[in-house]
Amino acid sequence: LTGAGVACPRANTNAVHQVIPSGIEFRLPA
């Protein structure tokens, strides 16, 4: 049995522009 993973900084939900691993750009609508 194991609990959830090691504690780490939370993701930045304010970011609206990201680049996913494949290199394809993804922009959230306003």
PDB file of all heavy atoms in Angstrom:
ATOM      1  N   LEU A   1       0.826  -1.193   0.000  1.00  0.00           N
ATOM      2  CA  LEU A   1       0.000   0.000   0.000  1.00  0.00           C
ATOM      3  C   LEU A   1       0.862   1.245   0.000  1.00  0.00           C
ATOM      4  O   LEU A   1       1.867   1.314   0.675  1.00  0.00           O
ATOM      5  CB  LEU A   1      -0.903   0.030   1.243  1.00  0.00           C
ATOM      6  CG  LEU A   1      -1.606  -1.278   1.616  1.00  0.00           C
ATOM      7  CD1 LEU A   1      -2.402  -1.067   2.897  1.00  0.00           C
ATOM      8  CD2 LEU A   1      -2.510  -1.729   0.497  1.00  0.00           C
ATOM      9  N   THR A   2       0.430   2.261  -0.735  1.00  0.00           N
ATOM     10  CA  THR A   2       1.163   3.518  -0.728  1.00  0.00           C
ATOM     11  C   THR A   2       0.208   4.680  -0.854  1.00  0.00           C
ATOM     12  O   THR A   2      -0.810   4.581  -1.519  1.00  0.00           O
ATOM     13  CB  THR A   2       2.196   3.574  -1.875  1.00  0.00           C
ATOM     14  OG1 THR A   2       2.818   4.841  -1.888  1.00  0.00           O
ATOM     15  CG2 THR A   2       1.565   3.324  -3.224  1.00  0.00           C
ATOM     16  N   GLY A   3       0.524   5.783  -0.201  1.00  0.00           N
ATOM     17  CA  GLY A   3      -0.272   6.996  -0.340  1.00  0.00           C
ATOM     18  C   GLY A   3       0.120   7.730  -1.604  1.00  0.00           C
ATOM     19  O   GLY A   3       0.754   7.172  -2.486  1.00  0.00           O
ATOM     20  N   ALA A   4      -0.237   8.995  -1.715  1.00  0.00           N
ATOM     21  CA  ALA A   4       0.091   9.765  -2.904  1.00  0.00           C
ATOM     22  C   ALA A   4       1.569  10.111  -2.915  1.00  0.00           C
ATOM     23  O   ALA A   4       2.296   9.847  -1.978  1.00  0.00           O
ATOM     24  CB  ALA A   4      -0.752  11.040  -2.974  1.00  0.00           C
ATOM     25  N   GLY A   5       2.010  10.735  -3.998  1.00  0.00           N
ATOM     26  CA  GLY A   5       3.433  10.950  -4.217  1.00  0.00           C
ATOM     27  C   GLY A   5       4.084  11.957  -3.296  1.00  0.00           C
ATOM     28  O   GLY A   5       3.450  12.573  -2.462  1.00  0.00           O
ATOM     29  N   VAL A   6       5.402  12.148  -3.468  1.00  0.00           N
ATOM     30  CA  VAL A   6       6.170  13.082  -2.653  1.00  0.00           C
ATOM     31  C   VAL A   6       5.667  14.499  -2.882  1.00  0.00           C
ATOM     32  O   VAL A   6       5.326  14.875  -3.994  1.00  0.00           O
ATOM     33  CB  VAL A   6       7.662  12.980  -3.040  1.00  0.00           C
ATOM     34  CG1 VAL A   6       8.479  13.964  -2.231  1.00  0.00           C
ATOM     35  CG2 VAL A   6       8.163  11.565  -2.826  1.00  0.00           C
ATOM     36  N   ALA A   7       5.606  15.288  -1.821  1.00  0.00           N
ATOM     37  CA  ALA A   7       5.104  16.655  -1.925  1.00  0.00           C
ATOM     38  C   ALA A   7       5.948  17.474  -2.881  1.00  0.00           C
ATOM     39  O   ALA A   7       7.156  17.318  -2.966  1.00  0.00           O
ATOM     40  CB  ALA A   7       5.109  17.316  -0.543  1.00  0.00           C
ATOM     41  N   CYS A   8       5.300  18.327  -3.648  1.00  0.00           N
ATOM     42  CA  CYS A   8       6.009  19.160  -4.613  1.00  0.00           C
ATOM     43  C   CYS A   8       5.196  20.419  -4.856  1.00  0.00           C
ATOM     44  O   CYS A   8       4.027  20.492  -4.501  1.00  0.00           O
ATOM     45  CB  CYS A   8       6.209  18.401  -5.930  1.00  0.00           C
ATOM     46  SG  CYS A   8       4.658  17.955  -6.723  1.00  0.00           S
ATOM     47  N   PRO A   9       5.791  21.455  -5.472  1.00  0.00           N
ATOM     48  CA  PRO A   9       5.052  22.689  -5.731  1.00  0.00           C
ATOM     49  C   PRO A   9       3.840  22.444  -6.596  1.00  0.00           C
ATOM     50  O   PRO A   9       3.876  21.620  -7.506  1.00  0.00           O
ATOM     51  CB  PRO A   9       6.095  23.572  -6.456  1.00  0.00           C
ATOM     52  CG  PRO A   9       7.410  23.011  -6.032  1.00  0.00           C
ATOM     53  CD  PRO A   9       7.188  21.531  -5.884  1.00  0.00           C
ATOM     54  N   ARG A  10       2.754  23.134  -6.319  1.00  0.00           N
ATOM     55  CA  ARG A  10       1.545  23.013  -7.113  1.00  0.00           C
ATOM     56  C   ARG A  10       1.733  23.647  -8.491  1.00  0.00           C
ATOM     57  O   ARG A  10       2.529  24.558  -8.674  1.00  0.00           O
ATOM     58  CB  ARG A  10       0.366  23.703  -6.398  1.00  0.00           C
ATOM     59  CG  ARG A  10       0.006  23.026  -5.084  1.00  0.00           C
ATOM     60  CD  ARG A  10      -0.594  21.668  -5.325  1.00  0.00           C
ATOM     61  NE  ARG A  10      -0.966  21.016  -4.090  1.00  0.00           N
ATOM     62  CZ  ARG A  10      -1.498  19.812  -4.013  1.00  0.00           C
ATOM     63  NH1 ARG A  10      -1.686  19.120  -5.094  1.00  0.00           N
ATOM     64  NH2 ARG A  10      -1.816  19.292  -2.844  1.00  0.00           N
ATOM     65  N   ALA A  11       0.954  23.151  -9.450  1.00  0.00           N
ATOM     66  CA  ALA A  11       1.028  23.696 -10.800  1.00  0.00           C
ATOM     67  C   ALA A  11       0.498  25.125 -10.807  1.00  0.00           C
ATOM     68  O   ALA A  11      -0.363  25.493 -10.001  1.00  0.00           O
ATOM     69  CB  ALA A  11       0.204  22.825 -11.755  1.00  0.00           C
ATOM     70  N   ASN A  12       0.984  25.928 -11.715  1.00  0.00           N
ATOM     71  CA  ASN A  12       0.559  27.315 -11.839  1.00  0.00           C
ATOM     72  C   ASN A  12      -0.692  27.373 -12.697  1.00  0.00           C
ATOM     73  O   ASN A  12      -0.625  27.299 -13.923  1.00  0.00           O
ATOM     74  CB  ASN A  12       1.680  28.142 -12.472  1.00  0.00           C
ATOM     75  CG  ASN A  12       1.278  29.602 -12.617  1.00  0.00           C
ATOM     76  OD1 ASN A  12       0.240  30.018 -12.112  1.00  0.00           O
ATOM     77  ND2 ASN A  12       2.105  30.359 -13.311  1.00  0.00           N
ATOM     78  N   THR A  13      -1.875  27.486 -12.059  1.00  0.00           N
ATOM     79  CA  THR A  13      -3.124  27.508 -12.810  1.00  0.00           C
ATOM     80  C   THR A  13      -3.381  28.855 -13.461  1.00  0.00           C
ATOM     81  O   THR A  13      -4.347  29.013 -14.199  1.00  0.00           O
ATOM     82  CB  THR A  13      -4.307  27.167 -11.882  1.00  0.00           C
ATOM     83  OG1 THR A  13      -4.312  28.079 -10.787  1.00  0.00           O
ATOM     84  CG2 THR A  13      -4.186  25.745 -11.355  1.00  0.00           C
ATOM     85  N   ASN A  14      -2.529  29.860 -13.215  1.00  0.00           N
ATOM     86  CA  ASN A  14      -2.700  31.156 -13.869  1.00  0.00           C
ATOM     87  C   ASN A  14      -2.134  31.172 -15.277  1.00  0.00           C
ATOM     88  O   ASN A  14      -2.409  32.066 -16.058  1.00  0.00           O
ATOM     89  CB  ASN A  14      -2.034  32.257 -13.040  1.00  0.00           C
ATOM     90  CG  ASN A  14      -2.743  32.471 -11.711  1.00  0.00           C
ATOM     91  OD1 ASN A  14      -3.956  32.355 -11.648  1.00  0.00           O
ATOM     92  ND2 ASN A  14      -1.977  32.762 -10.667  1.00  0.00           N
ATOM     93  N   ALA A  15      -1.306  30.201 -15.589  1.00  0.00           N
ATOM     94  CA  ALA A  15      -0.700  30.176 -16.913  1.00  0.00           C
ATOM     95  C   ALA A  15      -1.760  29.856 -17.958  1.00  0.00           C
ATOM     96  O   ALA A  15      -2.549  28.941 -17.807  1.00  0.00           O
ATOM     97  CB  ALA A  15       0.408  29.123 -16.963  1.00  0.00           C
ATOM     98  N   VAL A  16      -1.782  30.614 -19.031  1.00  0.00           N
ATOM     99  CA  VAL A  16      -2.760  30.386 -20.093  1.00  0.00           C
ATOM    100  C   VAL A  16      -2.085  29.962 -21.382  1.00  0.00           C
ATOM    101  O   VAL A  16      -2.750  29.675 -22.360  1.00  0.00           O
ATOM    102  CB  VAL A  16      -3.601  31.659 -20.348  1.00  0.00           C
ATOM    103  CG1 VAL A  16      -4.401  32.016 -19.114  1.00  0.00           C
ATOM    104  CG2 VAL A  16      -2.713  32.833 -20.754  1.00  0.00           C
ATOM    105  N   HIS A  17      -0.767  29.902 -21.396  1.00  0.00           N
ATOM    106  CA  HIS A  17      -0.042  29.538 -22.604  1.00  0.00           C
ATOM    107  C   HIS A  17       0.993  28.481 -22.239  1.00  0.00           C
ATOM    108  O   HIS A  17       1.847  28.711 -21.402  1.00  0.00           O
ATOM    109  CB  HIS A  17       0.636  30.770 -23.204  1.00  0.00           C
ATOM    110  CG  HIS A  17       1.291  30.492 -24.536  1.00  0.00           C
ATOM    111  ND1 HIS A  17       2.611  30.130 -24.639  1.00  0.00           N
ATOM    112  CD2 HIS A  17       0.785  30.501 -25.789  1.00  0.00           C
ATOM    113  CE1 HIS A  17       2.912  29.952 -25.931  1.00  0.00           C
ATOM    114  NE2 HIS A  17       1.820  30.163 -26.636  1.00  0.00           N
ATOM    115  N   GLN A  18       0.878  27.302 -22.834  1.00  0.00           N
ATOM    116  CA  GLN A  18       1.751  26.196 -22.499  1.00  0.00           C
ATOM    117  C   GLN A  18       2.272  25.552 -23.765  1.00  0.00           C
ATOM    118  O   GLN A  18       1.688  25.672 -24.838  1.00  0.00           O
ATOM    119  CB  GLN A  18       1.006  25.141 -21.666  1.00  0.00           C
ATOM    120  CG  GLN A  18       0.454  25.688 -20.360  1.00  0.00           C
ATOM    121  CD  GLN A  18      -0.404  24.655 -19.661  1.00  0.00           C
ATOM    122  OE1 GLN A  18      -0.805  23.676 -20.275  1.00  0.00           O
ATOM    123  NE2 GLN A  18      -0.660  24.864 -18.392  1.00  0.00           N
ATOM    124  N   VAL A  19       3.397  24.845 -23.638  1.00  0.00           N
ATOM    125  CA  VAL A  19       3.920  24.031 -24.728  1.00  0.00           C
ATOM    126  C   VAL A  19       3.969  22.606 -24.234  1.00  0.00           C
ATOM    127  O   VAL A  19       4.667  22.293 -23.273  1.00  0.00           O
ATOM    128  CB  VAL A  19       5.335  24.491 -25.149  1.00  0.00           C
ATOM    129  CG1 VAL A  19       5.852  23.577 -26.252  1.00  0.00           C
ATOM    130  CG2 VAL A  19       5.298  25.929 -25.621  1.00  0.00           C
ATOM    131  N   ILE A  20       3.182  21.712 -24.831  1.00  0.00           N
ATOM    132  CA  ILE A  20       3.140  20.334 -24.398  1.00  0.00           C
ATOM    133  C   ILE A  20       4.362  19.604 -24.934  1.00  0.00           C
ATOM    134  O   ILE A  20       5.035  20.079 -25.847  1.00  0.00           O
ATOM    135  CB  ILE A  20       1.828  19.652 -24.853  1.00  0.00           C
ATOM    136  CG1 ILE A  20       1.713  19.665 -26.388  1.00  0.00           C
ATOM    137  CG2 ILE A  20       0.633  20.336 -24.249  1.00  0.00           C
ATOM    138  CD1 ILE A  20       0.476  18.967 -26.894  1.00  0.00           C
ATOM    139  N   PRO A  21       4.729  18.438 -24.362  1.00  0.00           N
ATOM    140  CA  PRO A  21       5.987  17.761 -24.711  1.00  0.00           C
ATOM    141  C   PRO A  21       6.217  17.550 -26.190  1.00  0.00           C
ATOM    142  O   PRO A  21       7.343  17.568 -26.655  1.00  0.00           O
ATOM    143  CB  PRO A  21       5.856  16.420 -23.970  1.00  0.00           C
ATOM    144  CG  PRO A  21       5.016  16.746 -22.784  1.00  0.00           C
ATOM    145  CD  PRO A  21       4.020  17.756 -23.292  1.00  0.00           C
ATOM    146  N   SER A  22       5.154  17.355 -26.978  1.00  0.00           N
ATOM    147  CA  SER A  22       5.329  17.108 -28.401  1.00  0.00           C
ATOM    148  C   SER A  22       5.754  18.366 -29.151  1.00  0.00           C
ATOM    149  O   SER A  22       6.121  18.306 -30.322  1.00  0.00           O
ATOM    150  CB  SER A  22       4.027  16.584 -29.003  1.00  0.00           C
ATOM    151  OG  SER A  22       3.001  17.553 -28.874  1.00  0.00           O
ATOM    152  N   GLY A  23       5.717  19.521 -28.484  1.00  0.00           N
ATOM    153  CA  GLY A  23       6.111  20.768 -29.121  1.00  0.00           C
ATOM    154  C   GLY A  23       4.947  21.534 -29.725  1.00  0.00           C
ATOM    155  O   GLY A  23       5.127  22.618 -30.271  1.00  0.00           O
ATOM    156  N   ILE A  24       3.731  20.965 -29.614  1.00  0.00           N
ATOM    157  CA  ILE A  24       2.555  21.634 -30.170  1.00  0.00           C
ATOM    158  C   ILE A  24       2.066  22.684 -29.179  1.00  0.00           C
ATOM    159  O   ILE A  24       1.856  22.388 -28.013  1.00  0.00           O
ATOM    160  CB  ILE A  24       1.424  20.612 -30.452  1.00  0.00           C
ATOM    161  CG1 ILE A  24       1.922  19.559 -31.441  1.00  0.00           C
ATOM    162  CG2 ILE A  24       0.179  21.311 -30.974  1.00  0.00           C
ATOM    163  CD1 ILE A  24       0.911  18.457 -31.690  1.00  0.00           C
ATOM    164  N   GLU A  25       1.878  23.888 -29.639  1.00  0.00           N
ATOM    165  CA  GLU A  25       1.440  24.955 -28.756  1.00  0.00           C
ATOM    166  C   GLU A  25      -0.054  24.820 -28.461  1.00  0.00           C
ATOM    167  O   GLU A  25      -0.841  24.425 -29.301  1.00  0.00           O
ATOM    168  CB  GLU A  25       1.718  26.331 -29.381  1.00  0.00           C
ATOM    169  CG  GLU A  25       3.195  26.655 -29.482  1.00  0.00           C
ATOM    170  CD  GLU A  25       3.427  28.084 -29.884  1.00  0.00           C
ATOM    171  OE1 GLU A  25       2.443  28.768 -30.203  1.00  0.00           O
ATOM    172  OE2 GLU A  25       4.596  28.523 -29.862  1.00  0.00           O
ATOM    173  N   PHE A  26      -0.404  25.155 -27.232  1.00  0.00           N
ATOM    174  CA  PHE A  26      -1.803  25.061 -26.807  1.00  0.00           C
ATOM    175  C   PHE A  26      -2.134  26.324 -26.029  1.00  0.00           C
ATOM    176  O   PHE A  26      -1.483  26.650 -25.044  1.00  0.00           O
ATOM    177  CB  PHE A  26      -2.003  23.830 -25.919  1.00  0.00           C
ATOM    178  CG  PHE A  26      -3.368  23.742 -25.312  1.00  0.00           C
ATOM    179  CD1 PHE A  26      -4.470  23.418 -26.084  1.00  0.00           C
ATOM    180  CD2 PHE A  26      -3.548  23.987 -23.959  1.00  0.00           C
ATOM    181  CE1 PHE A  26      -5.734  23.328 -25.523  1.00  0.00           C
ATOM    182  CE2 PHE A  26      -4.811  23.920 -23.389  1.00  0.00           C
ATOM    183  CZ  PHE A  26      -5.901  23.584 -24.175  1.00  0.00           C
ATOM    184  N   ARG A  27      -3.139  27.049 -26.472  1.00  0.00           N
ATOM    185  CA  ARG A  27      -3.534  28.291 -25.807  1.00  0.00           C
ATOM    186  C   ARG A  27      -4.975  28.157 -25.318  1.00  0.00           C
ATOM    187  O   ARG A  27      -5.874  27.810 -26.088  1.00  0.00           O
ATOM    188  CB  ARG A  27      -3.414  29.474 -26.769  1.00  0.00           C
ATOM    189  CG  ARG A  27      -3.705  30.818 -26.100  1.00  0.00           C
ATOM    190  CD  ARG A  27      -3.639  31.946 -27.117  1.00  0.00           C
ATOM    191  NE  ARG A  27      -2.309  32.082 -27.659  1.00  0.00           N
ATOM    192  CZ  ARG A  27      -1.336  32.787 -27.090  1.00  0.00           C
ATOM    193  NH1 ARG A  27      -1.564  33.412 -25.946  1.00  0.00           N
ATOM    194  NH2 ARG A  27      -0.150  32.868 -27.651  1.00  0.00           N
ATOM    195  N   LEU A  28      -5.197  28.394 -24.005  1.00  0.00           N
ATOM    196  CA  LEU A  28      -6.542  28.336 -23.451  1.00  0.00           C
ATOM    197  C   LEU A  28      -7.344  29.553 -23.905  1.00  0.00           C
ATOM    198  O   LEU A  28      -6.825  30.669 -23.920  1.00  0.00           O
ATOM    199  CB  LEU A  28      -6.489  28.322 -21.924  1.00  0.00           C
ATOM    200  CG  LEU A  28      -5.905  27.071 -21.274  1.00  0.00           C
ATOM    201  CD1 LEU A  28      -5.820  27.287 -19.770  1.00  0.00           C
ATOM    202  CD2 LEU A  28      -6.745  25.860 -21.588  1.00  0.00           C
ATOM    203  N   PRO A  29      -8.618  29.369 -24.274  1.00  0.00           N
ATOM    204  CA  PRO A  29      -9.478  30.518 -24.610  1.00  0.00           C
ATOM    205  C   PRO A  29      -9.578  31.469 -23.417  1.00  0.00           C
ATOM    206  O   PRO A  29      -9.500  31.045 -22.263  1.00  0.00           O
ATOM    207  CB  PRO A  29     -10.837  29.864 -24.914  1.00  0.00           C
ATOM    208  CG  PRO A  29     -10.515  28.440 -25.245  1.00  0.00           C
ATOM    209  CD  PRO A  29      -9.312  28.093 -24.415  1.00  0.00           C
ATOM    210  N   ALA A  30      -9.757  32.745 -23.676  1.00  0.00           N
ATOM    211  CA  ALA A  30      -9.812  33.745 -22.614  1.00  0.00           C
ATOM    212  C   ALA A  30     -10.914  33.437 -21.605  1.00  0.00           C
ATOM    213  O   ALA A  30     -10.724  33.558 -20.390  1.00  0.00           O
ATOM    214  CB  ALA A  30     -10.027  35.137 -23.221  1.00  0.00           C
TER     215      ALA A  30
END
